[in-house]
Amino acid sequence: MRRNILILVIAIVVIGGGYLAYRQFAAAPVEPETETPIDVNTVAVNTGLGTVSAEGQIVPLRHTQ
């Protein structure tokens, strides 16, 4: 019984330490959200800019010209 309690305490300490180390060194920092003023005249329109439309055919190199 005493051994099980000791193992449980050690497991809690190791898991807690791992969590704290993760938060300190690996997790992304929490940044407060900033409110941006919204212009009522701004309308989001998807213009398709930044996309490439292409057609092609993949063939072995020996079949190219």
PDB file of N, CA and C in Angstrom:
ATOM      1  N   MET A   1       0.824  -1.191   0.000  1.00  0.00           N
ATOM      2  CA  MET A   1       0.000   0.000   0.000  1.00  0.00           C
ATOM      3  C   MET A   1       0.870   1.258   0.000  1.00  0.00           C
ATOM      4  N   ARG A   2       1.874   1.249   0.844  1.00  0.00           N
ATOM      5  CA  ARG A   2       2.752   2.414   0.944  1.00  0.00           C
ATOM      6  C   ARG A   2       3.533   2.618  -0.356  1.00  0.00           C
ATOM      7  N   ARG A   3       3.904   1.508  -0.977  1.00  0.00           N
ATOM      8  CA  ARG A   3       4.652   1.578  -2.233  1.00  0.00           C
ATOM      9  C   ARG A   3       3.784   2.193  -3.338  1.00  0.00           C
ATOM     10  N   ASN A   4       2.509   1.815  -3.388  1.00  0.00           N
ATOM     11  CA  ASN A   4       1.599   2.358  -4.402  1.00  0.00           C
ATOM     12  C   ASN A   4       1.413   3.865  -4.235  1.00  0.00           C
ATOM     13  N   ILE A   5       1.305   4.314  -3.005  1.00  0.00           N
ATOM     14  CA  ILE A   5       1.158   5.745  -2.744  1.00  0.00           C
ATOM     15  C   ILE A   5       2.418   6.484  -3.175  1.00  0.00           C
ATOM     16  N   LEU A   6       3.578   5.921  -2.889  1.00  0.00           N
ATOM     17  CA  LEU A   6       4.838   6.540  -3.289  1.00  0.00           C
ATOM     18  C   LEU A   6       4.942   6.628  -4.815  1.00  0.00           C
ATOM     19  N   ILE A   7       4.559   5.573  -5.507  1.00  0.00           N
ATOM     20  CA  ILE A   7       4.585   5.578  -6.975  1.00  0.00           C
ATOM     21  C   ILE A   7       3.617   6.626  -7.515  1.00  0.00           C
ATOM     22  N   LEU A   8       2.446   6.746  -6.904  1.00  0.00           N
ATOM     23  CA  LEU A   8       1.462   7.737  -7.327  1.00  0.00           C
ATOM     24  C   LEU A   8       1.983   9.159  -7.129  1.00  0.00           C
ATOM     25  N   VAL A   9       2.609   9.421  -5.998  1.00  0.00           N
ATOM     26  CA  VAL A   9       3.163  10.751  -5.723  1.00  0.00           C
ATOM     27  C   VAL A   9       4.277  11.075  -6.711  1.00  0.00           C
ATOM     28  N   ILE A  10       5.147  10.122  -6.978  1.00  0.00           N
ATOM     29  CA  ILE A  10       6.243  10.338  -7.933  1.00  0.00           C
ATOM     30  C   ILE A  10       5.681  10.596  -9.329  1.00  0.00           C
ATOM     31  N   ALA A  11       4.654   9.839  -9.720  1.00  0.00           N
ATOM     32  CA  ALA A  11       4.051  10.034 -11.040  1.00  0.00           C
ATOM     33  C   ALA A  11       3.434  11.425 -11.151  1.00  0.00           C
ATOM     34  N   ILE A  12       2.759  11.884 -10.108  1.00  0.00           N
ATOM     35  CA  ILE A  12       2.146  13.212 -10.129  1.00  0.00           C
ATOM     36  C   ILE A  12       3.221  14.290 -10.235  1.00  0.00           C
ATOM     37  N   VAL A  13       4.312  14.137  -9.512  1.00  0.00           N
ATOM     38  CA  VAL A  13       5.398  15.118  -9.558  1.00  0.00           C
ATOM     39  C   VAL A  13       6.035  15.148 -10.950  1.00  0.00           C
ATOM     40  N   VAL A  14       6.276  13.990 -11.531  1.00  0.00           N
ATOM     41  CA  VAL A  14       6.904  13.930 -12.856  1.00  0.00           C
ATOM     42  C   VAL A  14       5.971  14.513 -13.920  1.00  0.00           C
ATOM     43  N   ILE A  15       4.699  14.155 -13.873  1.00  0.00           N
ATOM     44  CA  ILE A  15       3.744  14.678 -14.853  1.00  0.00           C
ATOM     45  C   ILE A  15       3.582  16.186 -14.690  1.00  0.00           C
ATOM     46  N   GLY A  16       3.482  16.648 -13.458  1.00  0.00           N
ATOM     47  CA  GLY A  16       3.364  18.088 -13.211  1.00  0.00           C
ATOM     48  C   GLY A  16       4.593  18.843 -13.672  1.00  0.00           C
ATOM     49  N   GLY A  17       5.768  18.298 -13.403  1.00  0.00           N
ATOM     50  CA  GLY A  17       7.005  18.934 -13.861  1.00  0.00           C
ATOM     51  C   GLY A  17       7.102  18.965 -15.375  1.00  0.00           C
ATOM     52  N   GLY A  18       6.687  17.898 -16.015  1.00  0.00           N
ATOM     53  CA  GLY A  18       6.687  17.864 -17.476  1.00  0.00           C
ATOM     54  C   GLY A  18       5.738  18.884 -18.065  1.00  0.00           C
ATOM     55  N   TYR A  19       4.577  19.027 -17.449  1.00  0.00           N
ATOM     56  CA  TYR A  19       3.607  20.017 -17.917  1.00  0.00           C
ATOM     57  C   TYR A  19       4.156  21.432 -17.757  1.00  0.00           C
ATOM     58  N   LEU A  20       4.742  21.722 -16.621  1.00  0.00           N
ATOM     59  CA  LEU A  20       5.299  23.059 -16.395  1.00  0.00           C
ATOM     60  C   LEU A  20       6.455  23.347 -17.352  1.00  0.00           C
ATOM     61  N   ALA A  21       7.299  22.356 -17.597  1.00  0.00           N
ATOM     62  CA  ALA A  21       8.405  22.540 -18.538  1.00  0.00           C
ATOM     63  C   ALA A  21       7.877  22.765 -19.952  1.00  0.00           C
ATOM     64  N   TYR A  22       6.834  22.039 -20.319  1.00  0.00           N
ATOM     65  CA  TYR A  22       6.230  22.238 -21.642  1.00  0.00           C
ATOM     66  C   TYR A  22       5.684  23.650 -21.775  1.00  0.00           C
ATOM     67  N   ARG A  23       4.955  24.116 -20.782  1.00  0.00           N
ATOM     68  CA  ARG A  23       4.382  25.468 -20.830  1.00  0.00           C
ATOM     69  C   ARG A  23       5.477  26.530 -20.886  1.00  0.00           C
ATOM     70  N   GLN A  24       6.580  26.288 -20.201  1.00  0.00           N
ATOM     71  CA  GLN A  24       7.659  27.273 -20.130  1.00  0.00           C
ATOM     72  C   GLN A  24       8.461  27.339 -21.426  1.00  0.00           C
ATOM     73  N   PHE A  25       8.764  26.184 -22.013  1.00  0.00           N
ATOM     74  CA  PHE A  25       9.731  26.155 -23.106  1.00  0.00           C
ATOM     75  C   PHE A  25       9.149  25.819 -24.473  1.00  0.00           C
ATOM     76  N   ALA A  26       8.088  25.047 -24.560  1.00  0.00           N
ATOM     77  CA  ALA A  26       7.626  24.573 -25.861  1.00  0.00           C
ATOM     78  C   ALA A  26       6.313  25.191 -26.318  1.00  0.00           C
ATOM     79  N   ALA A  27       5.463  25.552 -25.420  1.00  0.00           N
ATOM     80  CA  ALA A  27       4.145  26.065 -25.805  1.00  0.00           C
ATOM     81  C   ALA A  27       4.266  27.482 -26.355  1.00  0.00           C
ATOM     82  N   ALA A  28       3.370  27.808 -27.261  1.00  0.00           N
ATOM     83  CA  ALA A  28       3.342  29.159 -27.822  1.00  0.00           C
ATOM     84  C   ALA A  28       2.883  30.137 -26.745  1.00  0.00           C
ATOM     85  N   PRO A  29       3.486  31.308 -26.702  1.00  0.00           N
ATOM     86  CA  PRO A  29       3.078  32.283 -25.688  1.00  0.00           C
ATOM     87  C   PRO A  29       1.653  32.765 -25.934  1.00  0.00           C
ATOM     88  N   VAL A  30       0.952  33.002 -24.874  1.00  0.00           N
ATOM     89  CA  VAL A  30      -0.419  33.486 -24.973  1.00  0.00           C
ATOM     90  C   VAL A  30      -0.378  34.990 -25.198  1.00  0.00           C
ATOM     91  N   GLU A  31      -0.961  35.419 -26.299  1.00  0.00           N
ATOM     92  CA  GLU A  31      -0.980  36.839 -26.624  1.00  0.00           C
ATOM     93  C   GLU A  31      -2.396  37.366 -26.424  1.00  0.00           C
ATOM     94  N   PRO A  32      -2.513  38.509 -25.798  1.00  0.00           N
ATOM     95  CA  PRO A  32      -3.861  39.064 -25.626  1.00  0.00           C
ATOM     96  C   PRO A  32      -4.443  39.491 -26.972  1.00  0.00           C
ATOM     97  N   GLU A  33      -5.732  39.267 -27.121  1.00  0.00           N
ATOM     98  CA  GLU A  33      -6.382  39.641 -28.366  1.00  0.00           C
ATOM     99  C   GLU A  33      -6.563  41.153 -28.413  1.00  0.00           C
ATOM    100  N   THR A  34      -6.240  41.709 -29.558  1.00  0.00           N
ATOM    101  CA  THR A  34      -6.423  43.148 -29.723  1.00  0.00           C
ATOM    102  C   THR A  34      -7.596  43.370 -30.663  1.00  0.00           C
ATOM    103  N   GLU A  35      -8.423  44.293 -30.303  1.00  0.00           N
ATOM    104  CA  GLU A  35      -9.562  44.607 -31.151  1.00  0.00           C
ATOM    105  C   GLU A  35      -9.129  45.591 -32.229  1.00  0.00           C
ATOM    106  N   THR A  36      -9.481  45.280 -33.454  1.00  0.00           N
ATOM    107  CA  THR A  36      -9.159  46.173 -34.558  1.00  0.00           C
ATOM    108  C   THR A  36     -10.434  46.893 -34.969  1.00  0.00           C
ATOM    109  N   PRO A  37     -10.308  48.157 -35.294  1.00  0.00           N
ATOM    110  CA  PRO A  37     -11.508  48.873 -35.732  1.00  0.00           C
ATOM    111  C   PRO A  37     -12.004  48.308 -37.061  1.00  0.00           C
ATOM    112  N   ILE A  38     -13.291  48.123 -37.161  1.00  0.00           N
ATOM    113  CA  ILE A  38     -13.890  47.559 -38.368  1.00  0.00           C
ATOM    114  C   ILE A  38     -14.548  48.680 -39.156  1.00  0.00           C
ATOM    115  N   ASP A  39     -14.151  48.781 -40.413  1.00  0.00           N
ATOM    116  CA  ASP A  39     -14.743  49.775 -41.296  1.00  0.00           C
ATOM    117  C   ASP A  39     -15.978  49.152 -41.942  1.00  0.00           C
ATOM    118  N   VAL A  40     -17.119  49.795 -41.806  1.00  0.00           N
ATOM    119  CA  VAL A  40     -18.356  49.235 -42.351  1.00  0.00           C
ATOM    120  C   VAL A  40     -18.359  49.221 -43.870  1.00  0.00           C
ATOM    121  N   ASN A  41     -17.482  49.987 -44.505  1.00  0.00           N
ATOM    122  CA  ASN A  41     -17.428  50.023 -45.960  1.00  0.00           C
ATOM    123  C   ASN A  41     -16.509  48.956 -46.539  1.00  0.00           C
ATOM    124  N   THR A  42     -15.826  48.208 -45.694  1.00  0.00           N
ATOM    125  CA  THR A  42     -14.925  47.169 -46.160  1.00  0.00           C
ATOM    126  C   THR A  42     -15.731  45.907 -46.444  1.00  0.00           C
ATOM    127  N   VAL A  43     -15.574  45.397 -47.647  1.00  0.00           N
ATOM    128  CA  VAL A  43     -16.280  44.186 -48.037  1.00  0.00           C
ATOM    129  C   VAL A  43     -15.229  43.167 -48.462  1.00  0.00           C
ATOM    130  N   ALA A  44     -15.320  41.966 -47.944  1.00  0.00           N
ATOM    131  CA  ALA A  44     -14.373  40.919 -48.306  1.00  0.00           C
ATOM    132  C   ALA A  44     -14.831  40.268 -49.611  1.00  0.00           C
ATOM    133  N   VAL A  45     -13.979  40.353 -50.625  1.00  0.00           N
ATOM    134  CA  VAL A  45     -14.286  39.774 -51.926  1.00  0.00           C
ATOM    135  C   VAL A  45     -13.128  38.873 -52.314  1.00  0.00           C
ATOM    136  N   ASN A  46     -13.441  37.644 -52.671  1.00  0.00           N
ATOM    137  CA  ASN A  46     -12.414  36.724 -53.131  1.00  0.00           C
ATOM    138  C   ASN A  46     -12.162  37.002 -54.606  1.00  0.00           C
ATOM    139  N   THR A  47     -11.025  37.610 -54.917  1.00  0.00           N
ATOM    140  CA  THR A  47     -10.704  37.975 -56.298  1.00  0.00           C
ATOM    141  C   THR A  47      -9.942  36.885 -57.031  1.00  0.00           C
ATOM    142  N   GLY A  48      -9.457  35.898 -56.319  1.00  0.00           N
ATOM    143  CA  GLY A  48      -8.699  34.844 -56.965  1.00  0.00           C
ATOM    144  C   GLY A  48      -7.260  35.225 -57.227  1.00  0.00           C
ATOM    145  N   LEU A  49      -6.835  36.395 -56.771  1.00  0.00           N
ATOM    146  CA  LEU A  49      -5.447  36.793 -56.957  1.00  0.00           C
ATOM    147  C   LEU A  49      -4.563  35.905 -56.098  1.00  0.00           C
ATOM    148  N   GLY A  50      -3.409  35.606 -56.592  1.00  0.00           N
ATOM    149  CA  GLY A  50      -2.492  34.764 -55.843  1.00  0.00           C
ATOM    150  C   GLY A  50      -2.681  33.288 -56.142  1.00  0.00           C
ATOM    151  N   THR A  51      -3.548  32.972 -57.106  1.00  0.00           N
ATOM    152  CA  THR A  51      -3.728  31.580 -57.487  1.00  0.00           C
ATOM    153  C   THR A  51      -3.219  31.386 -58.905  1.00  0.00           C
ATOM    154  N   VAL A  52      -2.834  30.180 -59.207  1.00  0.00           N
ATOM    155  CA  VAL A  52      -2.331  29.849 -60.535  1.00  0.00           C
ATOM    156  C   VAL A  52      -3.218  28.760 -61.103  1.00  0.00           C
ATOM    157  N   SER A  53      -3.730  28.991 -62.283  1.00  0.00           N
ATOM    158  CA  SER A  53      -4.527  27.992 -62.972  1.00  0.00           C
ATOM    159  C   SER A  53      -3.686  27.485 -64.139  1.00  0.00           C
ATOM    160  N   ALA A  54      -3.438  26.199 -64.180  1.00  0.00           N
ATOM    161  CA  ALA A  54      -2.571  25.665 -65.228  1.00  0.00           C
ATOM    162  C   ALA A  54      -3.051  24.280 -65.638  1.00  0.00           C
ATOM    163  N   GLU A  55      -2.785  23.951 -66.889  1.00  0.00           N
ATOM    164  CA  GLU A  55      -3.057  22.615 -67.388  1.00  0.00           C
ATOM    165  C   GLU A  55      -1.747  22.033 -67.884  1.00  0.00           C
ATOM    166  N   GLY A  56      -1.626  20.754 -67.777  1.00  0.00           N
ATOM    167  CA  GLY A  56      -0.403  20.142 -68.257  1.00  0.00           C
ATOM    168  C   GLY A  56      -0.541  18.640 -68.313  1.00  0.00           C
ATOM    169  N   GLN A  57       0.503  18.017 -68.777  1.00  0.00           N
ATOM    170  CA  GLN A  57       0.517  16.578 -68.876  1.00  0.00           C
ATOM    171  C   GLN A  57       1.890  16.100 -68.442  1.00  0.00           C
ATOM    172  N   ILE A  58       1.922  15.125 -67.582  1.00  0.00           N
ATOM    173  CA  ILE A  58       3.191  14.587 -67.104  1.00  0.00           C
ATOM    174  C   ILE A  58       3.540  13.386 -67.965  1.00  0.00           C
ATOM    175  N   VAL A  59       4.682  13.469 -68.626  1.00  0.00           N
ATOM    176  CA  VAL A  59       5.141  12.387 -69.495  1.00  0.00           C
ATOM    177  C   VAL A  59       6.593  12.081 -69.164  1.00  0.00           C
ATOM    178  N   PRO A  60       7.056  10.896 -69.509  1.00  0.00           N
ATOM    179  CA  PRO A  60       8.465  10.580 -69.297  1.00  0.00           C
ATOM    180  C   PRO A  60       9.359  11.504 -70.119  1.00  0.00           C
ATOM    181  N   LEU A  61      10.582  11.705 -69.660  1.00  0.00           N
ATOM    182  CA  LEU A  61      11.509  12.638 -70.293  1.00  0.00           C
ATOM    183  C   LEU A  61      11.796  12.266 -71.743  1.00  0.00           C
ATOM    184  N   ARG A  62      11.822  10.999 -72.068  1.00  0.00           N
ATOM    185  CA  ARG A  62      12.140  10.588 -73.440  1.00  0.00           C
ATOM    186  C   ARG A  62      11.029  10.953 -74.428  1.00  0.00           C
ATOM    187  N   HIS A  63       9.824  11.271 -73.946  1.00  0.00           N
ATOM    188  CA  HIS A  63       8.723  11.651 -74.828  1.00  0.00           C
ATOM    189  C   HIS A  63       8.594  13.163 -74.989  1.00  0.00           C
ATOM    190  N   THR A  64       9.470  13.913 -74.372  1.00  0.00           N
ATOM    191  CA  THR A  64       9.406  15.368 -74.504  1.00  0.00           C
ATOM    192  C   THR A  64      10.174  15.812 -75.737  1.00  0.00           C
ATOM    193  N   GLN A  65       9.934  17.017 -76.148  1.00  0.00           N
ATOM    194  CA  GLN A  65      10.622  17.521 -77.343  1.00  0.00           C
ATOM    195  C   GLN A  65      11.679  18.506 -76.968  1.00  0.00           C
TER     196      GLN A  65
END
